[in-house]
Amino acid sequence: MKPKSIKPDELSKIFTELKKGEESAIGSYLVKGVRLQISKYNLSGAERVQLLYKRRRAQGMCIVCGKKVTKKNPSTDQLYRLCEEHRNKIDKGSK
């Protein structure tokens, strides 16, 4: 993913989140041409994937490809976890 461009004064917010131990501080940031990457140390592959999926779901993106999800599940009134293309391939194809 591309680093998120932030201003130097926004860095203090990120450090505050880091001190609290919140996962929202994790990411890649660009400050005055310098890339700052904050990530958990020594994660297994499964843990990295789990964080990626969690972040994509929170942003309303397909967990497979990252496209914006537009349709909602009528029973839960939440966005689907997959885009229409992957819902057809994965969810509907397995029935």
Protein backbone atom coordinates (compact mmCIF):
# COMPACT_ATOMS: atom_id res chain seq x y z
CA MET A 1 0.00 0.00 0.00
CA LYS A 2 1.06 3.56 -0.57
CA PRO A 3 2.08 5.55 2.50
CA LYS A 4 -0.49 8.02 3.82
CA SER A 5 0.78 11.59 3.54
CA ILE A 6 0.46 13.45 6.86
CA LYS A 7 1.65 16.75 8.35
CA PRO A 8 4.30 16.81 11.09
CA ASP A 9 1.80 17.99 13.72
CA GLU A 10 -0.40 14.93 13.03
CA LEU A 11 2.51 12.75 14.10
CA SER A 12 1.78 13.47 17.76
CA LYS A 13 -1.70 11.92 17.38
CA ILE A 14 -0.14 8.76 15.98
CA PHE A 15 2.36 8.57 18.83
CA THR A 16 -0.45 9.03 21.35
CA GLU A 17 -2.34 6.12 19.78
CA LEU A 18 0.88 4.08 19.87
CA LYS A 19 1.33 4.75 23.59
CA LYS A 20 -2.23 3.56 24.22
CA GLY A 21 -1.50 0.40 22.22
CA GLU A 22 -4.24 0.98 19.65
CA GLU A 23 -3.99 -0.83 16.33
CA SER A 24 -5.19 2.25 14.45
CA ALA A 25 -1.63 3.62 14.65
CA ILE A 26 -0.33 0.79 12.47
CA GLY A 27 0.41 1.91 8.95
CA SER A 28 2.84 3.56 6.58
CA TYR A 29 3.09 7.35 6.69
CA LEU A 30 4.89 9.96 4.60
CA VAL A 31 6.14 13.02 6.51
CA LYS A 32 8.19 15.64 4.62
CA GLY A 33 9.52 13.04 2.19
CA VAL A 34 10.35 10.51 4.91
CA ARG A 35 8.45 7.23 5.12
CA LEU A 36 7.56 6.11 8.63
CA GLN A 37 6.33 2.54 8.91
CA ILE A 38 4.63 1.38 12.10
CA SER A 39 3.91 -2.32 12.34
CA LYS A 40 3.78 -5.08 14.90
CA TYR A 41 7.03 -6.97 15.36
CA ASN A 42 7.41 -10.68 14.60
CA LEU A 43 3.89 -11.38 13.32
CA SER A 44 3.13 -14.68 11.68
CA GLY A 45 1.70 -14.71 8.16
CA ALA A 46 -1.78 -15.55 9.47
CA GLU A 47 -1.71 -12.61 11.89
CA ARG A 48 -0.66 -10.20 9.10
CA VAL A 49 -3.48 -11.43 6.87
CA GLN A 50 -5.97 -11.11 9.73
CA LEU A 51 -4.95 -7.47 10.31
CA LEU A 52 -5.20 -6.74 6.57
CA TYR A 53 -8.68 -8.27 6.33
CA LYS A 54 -9.81 -6.41 9.46
CA ARG A 55 -8.54 -3.09 8.06
CA ARG A 56 -10.17 -3.68 4.66
CA ARG A 57 -13.54 -4.59 6.22
CA ALA A 58 -13.48 -1.47 8.38
CA GLN A 59 -12.92 0.64 5.25
CA GLY A 60 -15.70 -1.12 3.30
CA MET A 61 -13.33 -2.85 0.89
CA CYS A 62 -13.36 -6.37 -0.54
CA ILE A 63 -11.02 -8.49 1.58
CA VAL A 64 -9.65 -10.27 -1.51
CA CYS A 65 -8.96 -7.50 -4.03
CA GLY A 66 -9.51 -4.22 -2.15
CA LYS A 67 -12.32 -2.87 -4.37
CA LYS A 68 -15.00 -0.76 -2.72
CA VAL A 69 -17.99 -2.89 -1.66
CA THR A 70 -21.37 -1.34 -2.46
CA LYS A 71 -23.98 -3.95 -1.53
CA LYS A 72 -25.24 -4.59 1.99
CA ASN A 73 -26.33 -7.84 3.54
CA PRO A 74 -30.10 -7.42 4.05
CA SER A 75 -30.21 -9.53 7.23
CA THR A 76 -27.39 -7.71 9.07
CA ASP A 77 -27.55 -4.35 7.23
CA GLN A 78 -23.74 -4.36 6.97
CA LEU A 79 -21.59 -4.26 3.85
CA TYR A 80 -20.60 -7.63 2.43
CA ARG A 81 -16.98 -8.66 3.00
CA LEU A 82 -16.49 -9.41 -0.71
CA CYS A 83 -17.14 -7.42 -3.89
CA GLU A 84 -19.77 -8.71 -6.30
CA GLU A 85 -17.20 -10.49 -8.47
CA HIS A 86 -15.68 -12.44 -5.56
CA ARG A 87 -19.08 -13.13 -4.01
CA ASN A 88 -20.04 -14.85 -7.26
CA LYS A 89 -16.76 -16.82 -7.38
CA ILE A 90 -16.35 -17.72 -3.70
CA ASP A 91 -19.62 -17.55 -1.78
CA LYS A 92 -22.15 -18.42 -4.47
CA GLY A 93 -19.84 -20.88 -6.24
CA SER A 94 -19.44 -23.06 -3.17
CA LYS A 95 -23.15 -23.93 -2.86
